[in-house]
Amino acid sequence: NQHEETPDFKSYFPNGVWLDYYTYETIKIDENIKQVSLYGGLNHTNLHIRGGSIVPFQDTNDTSKVKKTWDLLRSQMRLLIVPDVSGYAQGNLVVVRGEKTDENHQYFTITYTGNTIKFVLEDGTVTDSEGSEINEVLEEIHIASTNSDIYNADFACAIGKDQSTKEMKVDKATHPIS
């Protein structure tokens, strides 16, 4: 048994909410600092994300067929939102093709509060040099919240720059590789 061969180990976590990136299990630390037992298996990297963070990521596992950076350009992005104890999170997203040095880009600040996600275009443009929109890059948004009320929502939508709405599904976040 792999678990027996590689024993659990302890690590210190400061106050706050911490999310295990691979299992989406949350650890809530109410003390100043606390020692937590973590699994030390050979196939598990202990990567934890602090509450209050919004992290963009892409699927790069073996089934994604991503072999080089160019392959990422065809792959949709996902956001992982990990609210802090007050329900707030913030992060940044840069959208750029990366094909040349002087190309159109988008730099967003993303905030999550009160079960609302807000994207603010801080810099860049919404079209590329051919006039095509370049802001259709998000495939999924994962909200790993300790507040279960978010999963009781009966409606969620995205509002486009032309004020059009697109209905969205609300599900409990599960890691795409689990």
C-alpha atoms as a PDB file:
ATOM      1  CA  ASN A   1       0.000   0.000   0.000  1.00  0.00           C
ATOM      2  CA  GLN A   2       1.471   3.301  -1.104  1.00  0.00           C
ATOM      3  CA  HIS A   3      -0.016   5.157   1.871  1.00  0.00           C
ATOM      4  CA  GLU A   4       1.839   2.862   4.280  1.00  0.00           C
ATOM      5  CA  GLU A   5       5.141   3.192   2.397  1.00  0.00           C
ATOM      6  CA  THR A   6       5.047   6.986   2.486  1.00  0.00           C
ATOM      7  CA  PRO A   7       3.832   8.201   5.881  1.00  0.00           C
ATOM      8  CA  ASP A   8       1.731  11.263   6.473  1.00  0.00           C
ATOM      9  CA  PHE A   9       3.627  14.341   7.519  1.00  0.00           C
ATOM     10  CA  LYS A  10       2.784  17.557   9.321  1.00  0.00           C
ATOM     11  CA  SER A  11       2.953  21.095   7.997  1.00  0.00           C
ATOM     12  CA  TYR A  12       2.140  24.469   9.517  1.00  0.00           C
ATOM     13  CA  PHE A  13      -0.647  26.646   8.054  1.00  0.00           C
ATOM     14  CA  PRO A  14      -1.372  30.241   9.057  1.00  0.00           C
ATOM     15  CA  ASN A  15      -4.860  31.515   9.877  1.00  0.00           C
ATOM     16  CA  GLY A  16      -7.378  31.386   7.012  1.00  0.00           C
ATOM     17  CA  VAL A  17      -8.937  29.067   4.470  1.00  0.00           C
ATOM     18  CA  TRP A  18      -6.674  26.726   2.476  1.00  0.00           C
ATOM     19  CA  LEU A  19      -7.707  24.579  -0.478  1.00  0.00           C
ATOM     20  CA  ASP A  20      -5.958  21.382  -1.555  1.00  0.00           C
ATOM     21  CA  TYR A  21      -5.593  21.977  -5.308  1.00  0.00           C
ATOM     22  CA  TYR A  22      -5.901  18.297  -6.219  1.00  0.00           C
ATOM     23  CA  THR A  23      -8.843  17.252  -4.026  1.00  0.00           C
ATOM     24  CA  TYR A  24     -10.655  20.609  -3.519  1.00  0.00           C
ATOM     25  CA  GLU A  25     -10.843  19.822   0.197  1.00  0.00           C
ATOM     26  CA  THR A  26     -10.695  22.919   2.369  1.00  0.00           C
ATOM     27  CA  ILE A  27      -8.824  23.415   5.601  1.00  0.00           C
ATOM     28  CA  LYS A  28     -10.072  26.254   7.807  1.00  0.00           C
ATOM     29  CA  ILE A  29      -7.531  27.462  10.362  1.00  0.00           C
ATOM     30  CA  ASP A  30      -9.079  29.581  13.142  1.00  0.00           C
ATOM     31  CA  GLU A  31      -5.902  29.825  15.188  1.00  0.00           C
ATOM     32  CA  ASN A  32      -2.862  32.003  14.492  1.00  0.00           C
ATOM     33  CA  ILE A  33      -1.014  28.989  13.135  1.00  0.00           C
ATOM     34  CA  LYS A  34      -1.799  25.289  13.221  1.00  0.00           C
ATOM     35  CA  GLN A  35       0.026  22.089  12.418  1.00  0.00           C
ATOM     36  CA  VAL A  36      -1.977  19.948   9.958  1.00  0.00           C
ATOM     37  CA  SER A  37      -1.416  16.306   8.977  1.00  0.00           C
ATOM     38  CA  LEU A  38      -1.021  15.923   5.225  1.00  0.00           C
ATOM     39  CA  TYR A  39      -0.858  12.838   3.080  1.00  0.00           C
ATOM     40  CA  GLY A  40       2.622  12.089   1.796  1.00  0.00           C
ATOM     41  CA  GLY A  41       1.799   9.657  -1.003  1.00  0.00           C
ATOM     42  CA  LEU A  42       4.081   9.349  -3.987  1.00  0.00           C
ATOM     43  CA  ASN A  43       1.373  10.405  -6.453  1.00  0.00           C
ATOM     44  CA  HIS A  44       0.107  13.424  -4.519  1.00  0.00           C
ATOM     45  CA  THR A  45       1.738  16.837  -4.445  1.00  0.00           C
ATOM     46  CA  ASN A  46       0.562  18.914  -1.500  1.00  0.00           C
ATOM     47  CA  LEU A  47      -0.316  22.157  -3.235  1.00  0.00           C
ATOM     48  CA  HIS A  48      -2.608  24.433  -1.237  1.00  0.00           C
ATOM     49  CA  ILE A  49      -4.180  27.712  -2.364  1.00  0.00           C
ATOM     50  CA  ARG A  50      -4.882  30.405   0.195  1.00  0.00           C
ATOM     51  CA  GLY A  51      -8.449  31.666   0.558  1.00  0.00           C
ATOM     52  CA  GLY A  52      -8.946  35.036  -1.103  1.00  0.00           C
ATOM     53  CA  SER A  53      -7.310  33.882  -4.352  1.00  0.00           C
ATOM     54  CA  ILE A  54      -8.531  33.513  -7.919  1.00  0.00           C
ATOM     55  CA  VAL A  55      -6.250  31.272  -9.964  1.00  0.00           C
ATOM     56  CA  PRO A  56      -6.502  30.762 -13.751  1.00  0.00           C
ATOM     57  CA  PHE A  57      -5.503  27.274 -14.908  1.00  0.00           C
ATOM     58  CA  GLN A  58      -5.627  24.987 -17.932  1.00  0.00           C
ATOM     59  CA  ASP A  59      -5.929  21.236 -18.250  1.00  0.00           C
ATOM     60  CA  THR A  60      -2.465  19.821 -18.932  1.00  0.00           C
ATOM     61  CA  ASN A  61      -2.937  16.207 -17.876  1.00  0.00           C
ATOM     62  CA  ASP A  62      -2.103  13.299 -20.187  1.00  0.00           C
ATOM     63  CA  THR A  63      -5.549  13.267 -21.860  1.00  0.00           C
ATOM     64  CA  SER A  64      -5.389  16.985 -22.773  1.00  0.00           C
ATOM     65  CA  LYS A  65      -2.790  16.328 -25.508  1.00  0.00           C
ATOM     66  CA  VAL A  66      -0.859  19.442 -24.442  1.00  0.00           C
ATOM     67  CA  LYS A  67       2.772  18.834 -25.376  1.00  0.00           C
ATOM     68  CA  LYS A  68       4.074  22.373 -25.913  1.00  0.00           C
ATOM     69  CA  THR A  69       3.074  25.984 -25.261  1.00  0.00           C
ATOM     70  CA  TRP A  70       1.458  26.310 -28.690  1.00  0.00           C
ATOM     71  CA  ASP A  71      -1.068  23.609 -27.695  1.00  0.00           C
ATOM     72  CA  LEU A  72      -2.260  25.785 -24.799  1.00  0.00           C
ATOM     73  CA  LEU A  73      -3.502  28.421 -27.250  1.00  0.00           C
ATOM     74  CA  ARG A  74      -6.247  26.040 -28.385  1.00  0.00           C
ATOM     75  CA  SER A  75      -7.195  25.052 -24.835  1.00  0.00           C
ATOM     76  CA  GLN A  76      -9.921  26.819 -22.856  1.00  0.00           C
ATOM     77  CA  MET A  77      -9.029  28.274 -19.473  1.00  0.00           C
ATOM     78  CA  ARG A  78     -10.689  27.690 -16.136  1.00  0.00           C
ATOM     79  CA  LEU A  79     -10.807  29.847 -13.029  1.00  0.00           C
ATOM     80  CA  LEU A  80     -10.502  28.492  -9.527  1.00  0.00           C
ATOM     81  CA  ILE A  81     -12.045  30.858  -6.976  1.00  0.00           C
ATOM     82  CA  VAL A  82     -11.158  30.220  -3.330  1.00  0.00           C
ATOM     83  CA  PRO A  83     -12.980  32.770  -1.140  1.00  0.00           C
ATOM     84  CA  ASP A  84     -11.504  33.775   2.212  1.00  0.00           C
ATOM     85  CA  VAL A  85     -13.450  33.518   5.480  1.00  0.00           C
ATOM     86  CA  SER A  86     -15.412  36.684   4.617  1.00  0.00           C
ATOM     87  CA  GLY A  87     -16.364  35.322   1.153  1.00  0.00           C
ATOM     88  CA  TYR A  88     -14.006  37.571  -0.858  1.00  0.00           C
ATOM     89  CA  ALA A  89     -11.427  36.625  -3.510  1.00  0.00           C
ATOM     90  CA  GLN A  90      -9.374  38.556  -6.080  1.00  0.00           C
ATOM     91  CA  GLY A  91      -7.021  37.645  -8.890  1.00  0.00           C
ATOM     92  CA  ASN A  92      -5.790  38.601 -12.343  1.00  0.00           C
ATOM     93  CA  LEU A  93      -6.089  37.079 -15.780  1.00  0.00           C
ATOM     94  CA  VAL A  94      -3.988  37.952 -18.819  1.00  0.00           C
ATOM     95  CA  VAL A  95      -5.347  36.822 -22.195  1.00  0.00           C
ATOM     96  CA  VAL A  96      -2.807  36.890 -24.992  1.00  0.00           C
ATOM     97  CA  ARG A  97      -2.010  34.464 -27.775  1.00  0.00           C
ATOM     98  CA  GLY A  98       1.745  34.684 -27.234  1.00  0.00           C
ATOM     99  CA  GLU A  99       2.541  34.387 -30.934  1.00  0.00           C
ATOM    100  CA  LYS A 100       4.430  37.678 -31.279  1.00  0.00           C
ATOM    101  CA  THR A 101       5.786  40.409 -29.034  1.00  0.00           C
ATOM    102  CA  ASP A 102       3.476  43.272 -30.053  1.00  0.00           C
ATOM    103  CA  GLU A 103      -0.043  41.851 -30.098  1.00  0.00           C
ATOM    104  CA  ASN A 104      -3.394  42.729 -28.598  1.00  0.00           C
ATOM    105  CA  HIS A 105      -4.021  41.447 -25.105  1.00  0.00           C
ATOM    106  CA  GLN A 106      -6.418  41.705 -22.208  1.00  0.00           C
ATOM    107  CA  TYR A 107      -5.511  42.224 -18.563  1.00  0.00           C
ATOM    108  CA  PHE A 108      -8.410  41.635 -16.171  1.00  0.00           C
ATOM    109  CA  THR A 109      -8.814  42.109 -12.449  1.00  0.00           C
ATOM    110  CA  ILE A 110     -11.361  39.598 -11.183  1.00  0.00           C
ATOM    111  CA  THR A 111     -13.178  39.930  -7.869  1.00  0.00           C
ATOM    112  CA  TYR A 112     -15.608  37.600  -6.154  1.00  0.00           C
ATOM    113  CA  THR A 113     -17.811  38.895  -3.357  1.00  0.00           C
ATOM    114  CA  GLY A 114     -21.417  38.367  -2.341  1.00  0.00           C
ATOM    115  CA  ASN A 115     -21.659  35.440  -4.805  1.00  0.00           C
ATOM    116  CA  THR A 116     -20.921  37.840  -7.687  1.00  0.00           C
ATOM    117  CA  ILE A 117     -17.955  37.575 -10.026  1.00  0.00           C
ATOM    118  CA  LYS A 118     -16.792  40.855 -11.564  1.00  0.00           C
ATOM    119  CA  PHE A 119     -14.326  41.153 -14.452  1.00  0.00           C
ATOM    120  CA  VAL A 120     -12.727  44.572 -15.008  1.00  0.00           C
ATOM    121  CA  LEU A 121     -10.680  45.082 -18.183  1.00  0.00           C
ATOM    122  CA  GLU A 122      -7.711  47.029 -16.790  1.00  0.00           C
ATOM    123  CA  ASP A 123      -5.666  47.136 -19.989  1.00  0.00           C
ATOM    124  CA  GLY A 124      -5.920  45.905 -23.552  1.00  0.00           C
ATOM    125  CA  THR A 125      -8.601  45.520 -26.149  1.00  0.00           C
ATOM    126  CA  VAL A 126     -11.513  43.136 -26.755  1.00  0.00           C
ATOM    127  CA  THR A 127     -10.566  42.484 -30.380  1.00  0.00           C
ATOM    128  CA  ASP A 128      -7.472  41.172 -32.122  1.00  0.00           C
ATOM    129  CA  SER A 129      -5.773  42.806 -35.119  1.00  0.00           C
ATOM    130  CA  GLU A 130      -8.358  41.216 -37.488  1.00  0.00           C
ATOM    131  CA  GLY A 131     -11.263  42.616 -35.445  1.00  0.00           C
ATOM    132  CA  SER A 132     -12.240  39.255 -33.930  1.00  0.00           C
ATOM    133  CA  GLU A 133     -13.181  39.130 -30.250  1.00  0.00           C
ATOM    134  CA  ILE A 134     -10.537  37.527 -28.044  1.00  0.00           C
ATOM    135  CA  ASN A 135     -12.477  37.330 -24.775  1.00  0.00           C
ATOM    136  CA  GLU A 136     -14.088  33.887 -25.186  1.00  0.00           C
ATOM    137  CA  VAL A 137     -11.476  31.923 -23.251  1.00  0.00           C
ATOM    138  CA  LEU A 138     -13.163  30.688 -20.067  1.00  0.00           C
ATOM    139  CA  GLU A 139     -14.642  27.224 -20.155  1.00  0.00           C
ATOM    140  CA  GLU A 140     -15.424  26.775 -16.458  1.00  0.00           C
ATOM    141  CA  ILE A 141     -15.372  28.696 -13.217  1.00  0.00           C
ATOM    142  CA  HIS A 142     -14.833  26.575 -10.101  1.00  0.00           C
ATOM    143  CA  ILE A 143     -15.888  28.182  -6.815  1.00  0.00           C
ATOM    144  CA  ALA A 144     -14.510  26.222  -3.881  1.00  0.00           C
ATOM    145  CA  SER A 145     -16.509  27.890  -1.152  1.00  0.00           C
ATOM    146  CA  THR A 146     -17.030  26.815   2.430  1.00  0.00           C
ATOM    147  CA  ASN A 147     -20.407  28.625   2.159  1.00  0.00           C
ATOM    148  CA  SER A 148     -22.848  25.971   0.933  1.00  0.00           C
ATOM    149  CA  ASP A 149     -25.515  28.623   0.164  1.00  0.00           C
ATOM    150  CA  ILE A 150     -23.896  29.243  -3.223  1.00  0.00           C
ATOM    151  CA  TYR A 151     -25.033  25.789  -4.355  1.00  0.00           C
ATOM    152  CA  ASN A 152     -28.667  26.675  -3.563  1.00  0.00           C
ATOM    153  CA  ALA A 153     -28.697  29.276  -6.339  1.00  0.00           C
ATOM    154  CA  ASP A 154     -31.498  28.739  -8.824  1.00  0.00           C
ATOM    155  CA  PHE A 155     -30.044  31.054 -11.464  1.00  0.00           C
ATOM    156  CA  ALA A 156     -26.635  32.235 -12.593  1.00  0.00           C
ATOM    157  CA  CYS A 157     -25.748  34.155 -15.730  1.00  0.00           C
ATOM    158  CA  ALA A 158     -22.972  35.945 -17.539  1.00  0.00           C
ATOM    159  CA  ILE A 159     -23.688  39.389 -18.929  1.00  0.00           C
ATOM    160  CA  GLY A 160     -21.885  40.271 -22.154  1.00  0.00           C
ATOM    161  CA  LYS A 161     -20.572  43.698 -23.109  1.00  0.00           C
ATOM    162  CA  ASP A 162     -23.680  44.093 -25.291  1.00  0.00           C
ATOM    163  CA  GLN A 163     -25.828  43.371 -22.163  1.00  0.00           C
ATOM    164  CA  SER A 164     -26.869  39.956 -23.517  1.00  0.00           C
ATOM    165  CA  THR A 165     -27.149  37.201 -20.900  1.00  0.00           C
ATOM    166  CA  LYS A 166     -26.022  33.607 -20.978  1.00  0.00           C
ATOM    167  CA  GLU A 167     -27.439  31.186 -18.405  1.00  0.00           C
ATOM    168  CA  MET A 168     -24.798  29.262 -16.459  1.00  0.00           C
ATOM    169  CA  LYS A 169     -24.903  26.066 -14.404  1.00  0.00           C
ATOM    170  CA  VAL A 170     -24.048  26.118 -10.697  1.00  0.00           C
ATOM    171  CA  ASP A 171     -22.473  22.923  -9.308  1.00  0.00           C
ATOM    172  CA  LYS A 172     -20.246  22.065  -6.384  1.00  0.00           C
ATOM    173  CA  ALA A 173     -16.664  22.369  -7.600  1.00  0.00           C
ATOM    174  CA  THR A 174     -14.804  19.164  -8.322  1.00  0.00           C
ATOM    175  CA  HIS A 175     -11.309  19.037  -9.675  1.00  0.00           C
ATOM    176  CA  PRO A 176     -11.241  18.191 -13.411  1.00  0.00           C
ATOM    177  CA  ILE A 177      -8.570  15.552 -12.916  1.00  0.00           C
ATOM    178  CA  SER A 178     -10.204  13.799  -9.952  1.00  0.00           C
END
